[in-house]
């Protein structure tokens, strides 16, 4: 009886072993069929993410303005170029490859950071220009009424830049663009007397003061990529000046390694938008700039900012030391930004002269 049980156990083990082996082989085959599509999907998302990370190129503001005027069968008026450039920059932010990525919550946008930082740099300049148009360019004096469409546009562009639902950011920005378009329609209509654009030296200085502080901020943050000991100059220039919180006389400032490329692409996006706005200003404020002998200075600012848009041949933003073997892309960008900022300071002084 004992031998019979042993024989029965051996027979059942032999029949069960092939089934177990067959089941394992089937599991490996099904896993392989699942891994291949996943690998192809990841490869597709990687290629798509690289394509979406390419920053848009520069467009011709004058040609874009002439095209818009031709479509509407209107003659050029003061302010048209600046308004068209603002509309075109904001539209490019939404209609570029991949669309607006800062509020996306799905791959590949989920792990992309260069383009969202580029978009942030652009939208900051869009907000500053829309504010200047509402507060200065469209008003004759401080007690005059603000333009209703420009007021609505500014509020829409100041909406949260990473909201993806209820309501999405893109919807708010498109409403801002629509309000700018309505303002442009009224500006181009000779019968509409309540839509104005005043090309005056003080108006231009108002906007350039904001640009000056923006570029100064970017220059400091870019330069901090290598780390530097800074002397506190917050209260320099005024003997009786005080501040709320005491700060040390010297401080070591260094950008975290993971934020170096973020600041670089924010500066690149900010400069990209500024180039187009300055091109529009060059056309609308041409008479003022020529009278102040400041047209060449404005063009030099544009030239410096255009250098920030050169192609990046490295697959990543390098952060070598100032005089080291490797390049430091942040310091190169800071150099162009600083020179443009210095030229803006000179331009504001020329505009202040009688």
Protein backbone atom coordinates (compact mmCIF):
# COMPACT_ATOMS: atom_id res chain seq x y z
CA UNK A 1 0.00 0.00 0.00
CA UNK A 2 2.85 2.36 0.83
CA UNK A 3 4.52 1.69 -2.53
CA UNK A 4 1.24 2.42 -4.30
CA UNK A 5 1.01 5.84 -2.61
CA UNK A 6 4.60 6.70 -3.57
CA UNK A 7 3.94 5.71 -7.19
CA UNK A 8 0.81 7.84 -7.26
CA UNK A 9 2.66 10.89 -5.91
CA UNK A 10 5.41 10.55 -8.53
CA UNK A 11 2.84 10.38 -11.34
CA UNK A 12 0.97 13.45 -10.14
CA UNK A 13 4.22 15.44 -9.76
CA UNK A 14 5.21 14.63 -13.34
CA UNK A 15 1.88 15.72 -14.76
CA UNK A 16 1.76 18.91 -12.71
CA UNK A 17 5.28 20.07 -13.57
CA UNK A 18 4.70 20.64 -17.32
CA UNK A 19 1.52 22.58 -16.54
CA UNK A 20 3.43 24.80 -14.14
CA UNK A 21 6.17 25.35 -16.66
CA UNK A 22 3.63 26.10 -19.36
CA UNK A 23 1.88 28.62 -17.15
CA UNK A 24 5.18 30.43 -16.45
CA UNK A 25 6.01 30.60 -20.15
CA UNK A 26 2.59 32.00 -20.89
CA UNK A 27 3.11 34.64 -18.18
CA UNK A 28 6.44 35.65 -19.67
CA UNK A 29 4.91 35.91 -23.15
CA UNK A 30 2.01 38.08 -21.92
CA UNK A 31 4.44 40.35 -20.04
CA UNK A 32 6.52 40.78 -23.19
CA UNK A 33 3.45 41.76 -25.19
CA UNK A 34 2.64 44.34 -22.51
CA UNK A 35 6.18 45.73 -22.21
CA UNK A 36 6.61 46.41 -25.93
CA UNK A 37 3.64 48.82 -26.22
CA UNK A 38 4.68 50.54 -23.00
CA UNK A 39 8.22 51.04 -24.31
CA UNK A 40 6.88 52.42 -27.60
CA UNK A 41 4.53 54.75 -25.71
CA UNK A 42 7.36 56.08 -23.55
CA UNK A 43 9.52 56.61 -26.64
CA UNK A 44 6.70 58.50 -28.34
CA UNK A 45 6.16 60.70 -25.27
CA UNK A 46 9.90 61.38 -25.09
CA UNK A 47 10.06 62.50 -28.73
CA UNK A 48 6.87 64.54 -28.32
CA UNK A 49 8.25 66.21 -25.20
CA UNK A 50 11.45 67.17 -27.04
CA UNK A 51 9.41 68.63 -29.90
CA UNK A 52 7.22 70.63 -27.53
CA UNK A 53 10.30 71.98 -25.73
CA UNK A 54 11.52 73.93 -28.78
CA UNK A 55 10.93 77.62 -28.14
CA UNK A 56 9.15 79.60 -30.89
CA UNK A 57 11.24 81.78 -33.18
CA UNK A 58 10.94 85.52 -33.64
CA UNK A 59 8.31 86.96 -35.96
CA UNK A 60 8.33 90.21 -37.92
CA UNK A 61 6.18 92.73 -36.04
CA UNK A 62 5.91 95.14 -38.96
CA UNK A 63 4.83 92.40 -41.37
CA UNK A 64 2.32 91.06 -38.84
CA UNK A 65 0.88 94.53 -38.33
CA UNK A 66 0.55 95.17 -42.04
CA UNK A 67 -1.15 91.79 -42.48
CA UNK A 68 -3.69 92.53 -39.72
CA UNK A 69 -4.44 95.97 -41.16
CA UNK A 70 -4.86 94.51 -44.66
CA UNK A 71 -7.29 91.86 -43.40
CA UNK A 72 -9.41 94.54 -41.74
CA UNK A 73 -8.97 97.01 -44.60
CA UNK A 74 -7.74 99.71 -42.23
CA UNK A 75 -5.04 102.35 -42.42
CA UNK A 76 -2.11 102.43 -39.96
CA UNK A 77 -2.67 104.41 -36.77
CA UNK A 78 -0.51 105.16 -33.76
CA UNK A 79 -0.56 102.24 -31.35
CA UNK A 80 -1.50 99.57 -33.88
CA UNK A 81 1.96 97.95 -33.95
CA UNK A 82 2.24 97.74 -30.17
CA UNK A 83 -1.26 96.31 -29.82
CA UNK A 84 -0.73 93.77 -32.61
CA UNK A 85 2.58 92.68 -31.08
CA UNK A 86 0.89 92.12 -27.71
CA UNK A 87 -1.91 90.10 -29.32
CA UNK A 88 0.56 88.05 -31.37
CA UNK A 89 2.82 87.28 -28.40
CA UNK A 90 -0.12 86.17 -26.24
CA UNK A 91 -1.53 84.09 -29.10
CA UNK A 92 1.82 82.39 -29.68
CA UNK A 93 1.87 81.46 -26.00
CA UNK A 94 -1.34 79.46 -26.51
CA UNK A 95 -0.99 78.22 -30.10
CA UNK A 96 2.65 77.07 -30.23
CA UNK A 97 3.36 73.30 -30.62
CA UNK A 98 1.89 71.58 -27.60
CA UNK A 99 -0.17 74.63 -26.67
CA UNK A 100 0.05 76.13 -23.20
CA UNK A 101 1.92 73.62 -21.01
CA UNK A 102 2.19 75.30 -17.60
CA UNK A 103 -1.12 73.87 -16.39
CA UNK A 104 -0.95 70.42 -18.00
CA UNK A 105 -1.22 67.45 -15.63
CA UNK A 106 -0.59 64.63 -18.11
CA UNK A 107 2.59 63.28 -19.76
CA UNK A 108 4.75 64.47 -21.38
CA UNK A 109 3.96 67.98 -20.09
CA UNK A 110 3.98 66.66 -16.53
CA UNK A 111 7.76 66.24 -16.51
CA UNK A 112 8.68 69.16 -18.77
CA UNK A 113 9.99 72.24 -16.97
CA UNK A 114 11.90 74.31 -19.53
CA UNK A 115 8.85 75.32 -21.57
CA UNK A 116 6.64 76.21 -18.56
CA UNK A 117 9.40 78.51 -17.30
CA UNK A 118 9.72 80.03 -20.77
CA UNK A 119 5.96 80.60 -20.74
CA UNK A 120 6.19 82.24 -17.33
CA UNK A 121 8.79 84.71 -18.62
CA UNK A 122 6.53 85.57 -21.55
CA UNK A 123 3.37 86.03 -19.50
CA UNK A 124 5.16 88.35 -17.06
CA UNK A 125 6.04 90.67 -19.94
CA UNK A 126 2.50 90.37 -21.34
CA UNK A 127 1.12 91.43 -17.95
CA UNK A 128 3.50 94.39 -17.73
CA UNK A 129 2.66 95.59 -21.23
CA UNK A 130 -1.11 95.21 -20.76
CA UNK A 131 -0.81 97.16 -17.50
CA UNK A 132 1.17 99.93 -19.23
CA UNK A 133 -1.39 100.12 -22.03
CA UNK A 134 -4.23 100.44 -19.53
CA UNK A 135 -2.55 102.92 -17.20
CA UNK A 136 -0.40 105.01 -19.56
CA UNK A 137 -0.57 104.43 -23.30
CA UNK A 138 -4.36 104.73 -23.59
CA UNK A 139 -4.80 107.62 -21.12
CA UNK A 140 -4.00 111.30 -21.63
CA UNK A 141 -3.55 112.10 -17.92
CA UNK A 142 -3.94 110.56 -14.49
CA UNK A 143 -7.55 111.70 -14.12
CA UNK A 144 -8.73 110.35 -17.47
CA UNK A 145 -10.93 107.28 -17.82
CA UNK A 146 -9.30 103.90 -18.44
CA UNK A 147 -10.23 101.88 -21.50
CA UNK A 148 -12.77 99.20 -20.62
CA UNK A 149 -11.34 96.57 -22.98
CA UNK A 150 -7.77 97.10 -21.80
CA UNK A 151 -8.90 96.89 -18.17
CA UNK A 152 -10.58 93.56 -18.88
CA UNK A 153 -7.55 92.29 -20.80
CA UNK A 154 -5.17 93.09 -17.95
CA UNK A 155 -7.35 91.28 -15.42
CA UNK A 156 -7.54 88.17 -17.62
CA UNK A 157 -3.77 88.03 -18.15
CA UNK A 158 -3.23 88.26 -14.40
CA UNK A 159 -5.18 85.06 -13.84
CA UNK A 160 -3.40 82.13 -12.17
CA UNK A 161 -0.95 80.75 -14.75
CA UNK A 162 -1.25 77.05 -13.76
CA UNK A 163 -5.00 76.50 -13.35
CA UNK A 164 -6.15 73.52 -15.41
CA UNK A 165 -9.82 73.37 -14.41
CA UNK A 166 -12.69 75.66 -13.31
CA UNK A 167 -11.69 77.73 -15.29
CA UNK A 168 -8.58 76.74 -17.24
CA UNK A 169 -5.88 79.35 -17.71
CA UNK A 170 -6.10 79.15 -21.50
CA UNK A 171 -9.72 80.31 -21.43
CA UNK A 172 -8.86 83.38 -19.38
CA UNK A 173 -5.91 84.29 -21.62
CA UNK A 174 -8.01 83.92 -24.75
CA UNK A 175 -10.61 86.26 -23.27
CA UNK A 176 -7.78 88.72 -22.67
CA UNK A 177 -6.72 88.41 -26.30
CA UNK A 178 -10.33 88.93 -27.39
CA UNK A 179 -10.51 92.15 -25.34
CA UNK A 180 -7.29 93.40 -26.95
CA UNK A 181 -8.78 92.61 -30.34
CA UNK A 182 -11.87 94.67 -29.52
CA UNK A 183 -9.64 97.56 -28.46
CA UNK A 184 -7.72 97.29 -31.72
CA UNK A 185 -10.96 97.41 -33.70
CA UNK A 186 -11.99 100.62 -31.96
CA UNK A 187 -8.49 102.05 -32.31
CA UNK A 188 -8.53 101.52 -36.08
CA UNK A 189 -12.02 103.00 -36.49
CA UNK A 190 -11.85 106.80 -37.06
CA UNK A 191 -15.42 107.13 -35.78
CA UNK A 192 -14.47 105.71 -32.35
CA UNK A 193 -13.12 108.64 -30.35
CA UNK A 194 -12.98 106.82 -27.01
CA UNK A 195 -10.17 104.45 -28.05
CA UNK A 196 -6.80 106.21 -27.95
CA UNK A 197 -3.09 105.46 -27.86
CA UNK A 198 -0.89 108.37 -26.79
CA UNK A 199 2.72 108.10 -27.97
CA UNK A 200 4.41 110.38 -25.46
CA UNK A 201 7.84 110.27 -23.89
CA UNK A 202 6.50 110.05 -20.33
CA UNK A 203 4.25 107.12 -21.25
CA UNK A 204 7.16 105.24 -22.74
CA UNK A 205 9.34 105.94 -19.70
CA UNK A 206 6.60 104.52 -17.47
CA UNK A 207 6.74 101.14 -19.21
CA UNK A 208 10.54 101.14 -19.54
CA UNK A 209 10.86 101.62 -15.77
CA UNK A 210 9.03 98.32 -15.26
CA UNK A 211 11.16 96.61 -17.89
CA UNK A 212 14.28 97.91 -16.18
CA UNK A 213 13.38 96.31 -12.85
CA UNK A 214 12.42 93.02 -14.53
CA UNK A 215 15.72 92.75 -16.37
CA UNK A 216 17.67 93.74 -13.27
CA UNK A 217 16.01 90.92 -11.34
CA UNK A 218 16.76 88.38 -14.07
CA UNK A 219 20.38 89.51 -14.34
CA UNK A 220 20.96 89.01 -10.61
CA UNK A 221 19.35 85.58 -10.57
CA UNK A 222 21.28 84.44 -13.63
CA UNK A 223 24.59 85.64 -12.20
CA UNK A 224 23.96 83.68 -8.99
CA UNK A 225 24.40 80.40 -10.88
CA UNK A 226 28.07 80.24 -9.83
CA UNK A 227 27.53 81.68 -6.36
CA UNK A 228 28.88 85.02 -5.24
CA UNK A 229 29.38 87.07 -2.10
CA UNK A 230 27.21 90.17 -2.32
CA UNK A 231 27.42 93.37 -0.29
CA UNK A 232 24.07 94.63 0.92
CA UNK A 233 23.36 97.88 -0.96
CA UNK A 234 19.64 98.07 -0.16
CA UNK A 235 19.94 101.38 1.73
CA UNK A 236 22.80 102.86 -0.28
CA UNK A 237 22.38 106.41 -1.52
CA UNK A 238 20.24 107.83 1.28
CA UNK A 239 21.51 108.61 4.76
CA UNK A 240 18.14 108.47 6.53
CA UNK A 241 16.82 105.33 4.86
CA UNK A 242 15.55 102.47 7.05
CA UNK A 243 14.12 99.02 6.37
CA UNK A 244 11.63 96.77 8.13
CA UNK A 245 13.85 93.75 8.80
CA UNK A 246 17.60 93.91 9.49
CA UNK A 247 19.81 92.04 7.02
CA UNK A 248 23.52 91.14 7.11
CA UNK A 249 26.08 93.39 5.45
CA UNK A 250 27.23 90.56 3.19
CA UNK A 251 25.44 87.48 1.96
CA UNK A 252 26.43 84.49 -0.17
CA UNK A 253 23.91 83.91 -2.96
CA UNK A 254 23.87 80.81 -5.13
CA UNK A 255 21.12 79.38 -7.32
CA UNK A 256 20.21 75.75 -6.49
CA UNK A 257 21.46 73.34 -9.13
CA UNK A 258 17.96 72.17 -10.09
CA UNK A 259 16.76 75.76 -10.68
CA UNK A 260 19.53 76.94 -13.01
CA UNK A 261 17.77 75.88 -16.20
CA UNK A 262 14.45 77.22 -14.88
CA UNK A 263 15.82 80.74 -14.48
CA UNK A 264 17.63 80.52 -17.83
CA UNK A 265 14.46 79.70 -19.78
CA UNK A 266 12.42 82.25 -17.86
CA UNK A 267 14.93 84.90 -18.96
CA UNK A 268 14.86 83.58 -22.53
CA UNK A 269 11.05 83.81 -22.66
CA UNK A 270 11.04 87.27 -21.12
CA UNK A 271 13.58 88.53 -23.67
CA UNK A 272 11.62 86.90 -26.52
CA UNK A 273 8.48 88.81 -25.62
CA UNK A 274 10.37 92.08 -25.03
CA UNK A 275 11.93 91.99 -28.50
CA UNK A 276 8.49 92.08 -30.12
CA UNK A 277 7.13 94.76 -27.81
CA UNK A 278 10.16 96.96 -28.46
CA UNK A 279 9.69 96.47 -32.20
CA UNK A 280 6.12 97.69 -31.85
CA UNK A 281 7.23 100.63 -29.72
CA UNK A 282 9.90 101.49 -32.30
CA UNK A 283 7.19 102.02 -34.88
CA UNK A 284 4.52 103.71 -32.76
CA UNK A 285 6.93 106.04 -30.91
CA UNK A 286 9.15 106.75 -33.94
CA UNK A 287 8.57 110.52 -33.91
CA UNK A 288 9.22 110.80 -30.16
CA UNK A 289 12.37 108.68 -30.37
CA UNK A 290 13.75 110.66 -33.29
CA UNK A 291 13.08 113.97 -31.54
CA UNK A 292 14.89 112.73 -28.43
CA UNK A 293 17.70 111.26 -30.55
CA UNK A 294 16.95 107.91 -28.88
CA UNK A 295 16.04 105.68 -31.84
CA UNK A 296 19.54 104.21 -32.08
CA UNK A 297 19.52 103.43 -28.37
CA UNK A 298 16.27 101.51 -28.72
CA UNK A 299 17.62 99.52 -31.63
CA UNK A 300 20.72 98.63 -29.62
CA UNK A 301 18.51 97.26 -26.85
CA UNK A 302 16.72 95.09 -29.38
CA UNK A 303 20.07 93.90 -30.76
CA UNK A 304 21.25 92.84 -27.29
CA UNK A 305 18.03 90.98 -26.58
CA UNK A 306 18.08 89.22 -29.95
CA UNK A 307 21.41 87.65 -28.93
CA UNK A 308 19.59 85.83 -26.11
CA UNK A 309 17.62 83.85 -28.69
CA UNK A 310 20.59 82.10 -30.29
CA UNK A 311 20.31 78.34 -30.62
CA UNK A 312 21.49 76.21 -27.69
CA UNK A 313 23.75 73.47 -29.02
CA UNK A 314 24.20 71.72 -25.68
CA UNK A 315 21.57 69.13 -24.64
CA UNK A 316 21.44 70.76 -21.20
CA UNK A 317 22.13 74.16 -19.62
CA UNK A 318 25.79 74.05 -18.56
CA UNK A 319 26.93 75.66 -15.35
CA UNK A 320 30.70 75.84 -15.48
CA UNK A 321 32.59 78.26 -13.30
CA UNK A 322 33.23 81.78 -14.55
CA UNK A 323 36.71 81.00 -15.93
CA UNK A 324 36.48 77.19 -16.01
CA UNK A 325 36.66 74.65 -18.82
CA UNK A 326 32.91 74.27 -19.33
CA UNK A 327 30.62 77.04 -20.54
CA UNK A 328 28.17 78.78 -18.25
CA UNK A 329 25.03 79.55 -20.21
CA UNK A 330 23.49 81.52 -17.36
CA UNK A 331 26.41 83.97 -17.25
CA UNK A 332 26.24 84.47 -21.01
CA UNK A 333 22.52 85.18 -20.76
CA UNK A 334 23.14 87.51 -17.81
CA UNK A 335 25.69 89.44 -19.90
CA UNK A 336 23.17 90.18 -22.66
CA UNK A 337 20.40 90.96 -20.18
CA UNK A 338 22.64 93.34 -18.20
CA UNK A 339 23.77 95.21 -21.31
CA UNK A 340 20.17 95.60 -22.45
CA UNK A 341 19.21 96.81 -18.99
CA UNK A 342 22.01 99.41 -18.99
CA UNK A 343 20.86 100.63 -22.41
CA UNK A 344 17.29 100.96 -21.11
CA UNK A 345 18.55 103.16 -18.27
CA UNK A 346 20.29 105.41 -20.80
CA UNK A 347 17.17 105.45 -22.99
CA UNK A 348 14.99 106.57 -20.08
CA UNK A 349 17.41 109.41 -19.38
CA UNK A 350 17.26 110.53 -23.01
CA UNK A 351 13.46 110.49 -22.93
CA UNK A 352 13.44 112.59 -19.76
CA UNK A 353 15.43 115.35 -21.43
CA UNK A 354 13.54 118.23 -23.02
